[in-house]
């Protein structure tokens, strides 16, 4: 009897292999071990949002308005 489950499509997260065998979630950017990556694959995560609170330097403030 053949196991057809191994050929079935699976929906999940994609991880990239990084240094020291860590896996990076390509959704949220967090790093995981193989064990924690498997657990993380089952939870919802979202892309991180980065922003800067510093005022631009070297520009005329009128140009920014």
N, C-alpha and C. Protein backbone atom coordinates (compact mmCIF):
# COMPACT_ATOMS: atom_id res chain seq x y z
N UNK A 1 0.84 -1.18 0.00
CA UNK A 1 0.00 0.00 0.00
C UNK A 1 0.89 1.24 0.00
N UNK A 2 0.59 2.20 -0.86
CA UNK A 2 1.38 3.41 -0.99
C UNK A 2 0.78 4.52 -0.14
N UNK A 3 1.65 5.27 0.51
CA UNK A 3 1.21 6.42 1.32
C UNK A 3 1.05 7.63 0.40
N UNK A 4 -0.17 8.01 0.08
CA UNK A 4 -0.42 9.12 -0.83
C UNK A 4 -0.30 10.47 -0.13
N UNK A 5 -0.29 10.47 1.20
CA UNK A 5 -0.19 11.73 1.94
C UNK A 5 1.13 12.43 1.70
N UNK A 6 2.18 11.71 1.41
CA UNK A 6 3.49 12.34 1.21
C UNK A 6 3.53 13.16 -0.08
N UNK A 7 2.62 12.89 -1.02
CA UNK A 7 2.58 13.62 -2.28
C UNK A 7 1.54 14.73 -2.29
N UNK A 8 0.78 14.86 -1.22
CA UNK A 8 -0.29 15.86 -1.16
C UNK A 8 0.31 17.25 -1.01
N UNK A 9 -0.36 18.23 -1.62
CA UNK A 9 0.06 19.62 -1.46
C UNK A 9 -0.16 20.06 -0.01
N UNK A 10 0.76 20.86 0.48
CA UNK A 10 0.64 21.38 1.83
C UNK A 10 0.77 22.89 1.78
N UNK A 11 -0.06 23.56 2.55
CA UNK A 11 0.03 25.01 2.68
C UNK A 11 0.76 25.30 3.97
N UNK A 12 1.75 26.17 3.89
CA UNK A 12 2.50 26.49 5.09
C UNK A 12 3.41 27.67 4.88
N UNK A 13 4.29 27.86 5.81
CA UNK A 13 5.22 28.98 5.74
C UNK A 13 6.53 28.52 5.12
N UNK A 14 7.23 29.48 4.57
CA UNK A 14 8.53 29.20 3.97
C UNK A 14 9.60 29.76 4.91
N UNK A 15 10.62 28.96 5.14
CA UNK A 15 11.74 29.35 5.98
C UNK A 15 13.01 29.31 5.16
N UNK A 16 13.91 30.25 5.40
CA UNK A 16 15.22 30.27 4.76
C UNK A 16 16.25 29.82 5.79
N UNK A 17 17.20 29.01 5.37
CA UNK A 17 18.25 28.55 6.27
C UNK A 17 19.28 29.66 6.43
N UNK A 18 19.59 29.97 7.67
CA UNK A 18 20.57 31.00 7.98
C UNK A 18 21.75 30.37 8.71
N UNK A 19 22.63 31.21 9.24
CA UNK A 19 23.82 30.71 9.94
C UNK A 19 23.47 29.82 11.12
N UNK A 20 24.36 28.90 11.38
CA UNK A 20 24.25 28.00 12.54
C UNK A 20 22.99 27.14 12.49
N UNK A 21 22.45 26.91 11.29
CA UNK A 21 21.28 26.04 11.16
C UNK A 21 19.97 26.67 11.58
N UNK A 22 19.98 27.97 11.85
CA UNK A 22 18.72 28.64 12.21
C UNK A 22 17.88 28.85 10.97
N UNK A 23 16.58 28.87 11.15
CA UNK A 23 15.63 29.07 10.07
C UNK A 23 14.94 30.42 10.25
N UNK A 24 14.88 31.21 9.17
CA UNK A 24 14.23 32.51 9.22
C UNK A 24 12.87 32.41 8.56
N UNK A 25 11.82 32.80 9.28
CA UNK A 25 10.48 32.84 8.72
C UNK A 25 10.44 33.97 7.70
N UNK A 26 10.04 33.67 6.47
CA UNK A 26 10.01 34.70 5.44
C UNK A 26 8.76 35.57 5.51
N UNK A 27 7.91 35.32 6.48
CA UNK A 27 6.75 36.18 6.71
C UNK A 27 7.11 37.26 7.72
N UNK A 28 7.57 36.85 8.90
CA UNK A 28 7.82 37.82 9.97
C UNK A 28 9.29 38.13 10.20
N UNK A 29 10.19 37.32 9.65
CA UNK A 29 11.62 37.58 9.79
C UNK A 29 12.27 37.05 11.05
N UNK A 30 11.51 36.40 11.91
CA UNK A 30 12.07 35.86 13.16
C UNK A 30 12.91 34.62 12.86
N UNK A 31 13.88 34.33 13.75
CA UNK A 31 14.74 33.16 13.61
C UNK A 31 14.28 32.06 14.54
N UNK A 32 14.38 30.81 14.06
CA UNK A 32 13.91 29.65 14.83
C UNK A 32 14.86 28.48 14.65
N UNK A 33 14.83 27.56 15.61
CA UNK A 33 15.49 26.27 15.44
C UNK A 33 14.53 25.39 14.65
N UNK A 34 14.98 24.21 14.27
CA UNK A 34 14.07 23.32 13.52
C UNK A 34 12.82 22.98 14.34
N UNK A 35 12.99 22.78 15.62
CA UNK A 35 11.85 22.45 16.48
C UNK A 35 10.89 23.62 16.61
N UNK A 36 11.43 24.80 16.91
CA UNK A 36 10.54 25.94 17.10
C UNK A 36 9.96 26.42 15.77
N UNK A 37 10.66 26.17 14.64
CA UNK A 37 10.12 26.53 13.33
C UNK A 37 8.88 25.69 13.03
N UNK A 38 8.93 24.44 13.37
CA UNK A 38 7.77 23.56 13.14
C UNK A 38 6.57 24.05 13.95
N UNK A 39 6.81 24.49 15.17
CA UNK A 39 5.73 25.03 16.00
C UNK A 39 5.23 26.37 15.44
N UNK A 40 6.16 27.22 15.00
CA UNK A 40 5.80 28.53 14.46
C UNK A 40 5.00 28.41 13.17
N UNK A 41 5.23 27.36 12.42
CA UNK A 41 4.52 27.17 11.15
C UNK A 41 3.01 27.02 11.35
N UNK A 42 2.60 26.71 12.57
CA UNK A 42 1.18 26.50 12.87
C UNK A 42 0.47 27.74 13.39
N UNK A 43 1.20 28.83 13.62
CA UNK A 43 0.58 30.04 14.18
C UNK A 43 0.58 31.16 13.15
N UNK A 44 -0.32 32.11 13.34
CA UNK A 44 -0.37 33.28 12.46
C UNK A 44 0.75 34.25 12.85
N UNK A 45 1.42 34.78 11.85
CA UNK A 45 2.40 35.83 12.09
C UNK A 45 2.27 36.85 10.97
N UNK A 46 2.85 37.99 11.17
CA UNK A 46 2.69 39.08 10.22
C UNK A 46 4.03 39.74 9.95
N UNK A 47 4.20 40.34 8.78
CA UNK A 47 5.45 41.04 8.50
C UNK A 47 5.69 42.15 9.52
N UNK A 48 6.94 42.29 9.89
CA UNK A 48 7.26 43.36 10.83
C UNK A 48 7.23 44.69 10.08
N UNK A 49 6.86 45.73 10.78
CA UNK A 49 6.80 47.07 10.20
C UNK A 49 7.92 47.88 10.83
N UNK A 50 8.76 48.43 9.98
CA UNK A 50 9.86 49.25 10.49
C UNK A 50 9.62 50.69 10.10
N UNK A 51 9.89 51.59 11.04
CA UNK A 51 9.79 53.01 10.75
C UNK A 51 10.81 53.74 11.59
N UNK A 52 11.12 54.91 11.17
CA UNK A 52 12.14 55.71 11.84
C UNK A 52 11.49 56.95 12.43
N UNK A 53 11.80 57.24 13.67
CA UNK A 53 11.25 58.41 14.35
C UNK A 53 12.21 59.59 14.30
N UNK A 54 13.35 59.42 13.66
CA UNK A 54 14.33 60.50 13.60
C UNK A 54 13.96 61.50 12.52
N UNK A 55 14.28 62.75 12.76
CA UNK A 55 14.04 63.80 11.78
C UNK A 55 15.12 63.73 10.71
N UNK A 56 14.74 63.85 9.43
CA UNK A 56 15.74 63.82 8.37
C UNK A 56 16.79 64.92 8.56
N UNK A 57 18.02 64.61 8.23
CA UNK A 57 19.12 65.56 8.39
C UNK A 57 19.58 66.01 7.01
N UNK A 58 19.87 67.31 6.87
CA UNK A 58 20.44 67.81 5.64
C UNK A 58 19.43 68.16 4.56
N UNK A 59 18.17 68.20 4.88
CA UNK A 59 17.15 68.58 3.90
C UNK A 59 16.41 69.81 4.39
N UNK A 60 15.89 70.54 3.46
CA UNK A 60 15.07 71.68 3.78
C UNK A 60 13.73 71.17 4.28
N UNK A 61 13.27 71.59 5.45
CA UNK A 61 12.02 71.10 6.02
C UNK A 61 10.83 71.42 5.12
N UNK A 62 10.88 72.49 4.36
CA UNK A 62 9.78 72.84 3.47
C UNK A 62 9.57 71.79 2.39
N UNK A 63 10.63 71.11 1.98
CA UNK A 63 10.52 70.08 0.96
C UNK A 63 9.75 68.88 1.48
N UNK A 64 9.79 68.65 2.78
CA UNK A 64 9.13 67.51 3.38
C UNK A 64 7.64 67.73 3.60
N UNK A 65 7.18 68.98 3.61
CA UNK A 65 5.78 69.28 3.89
C UNK A 65 4.93 69.14 2.72
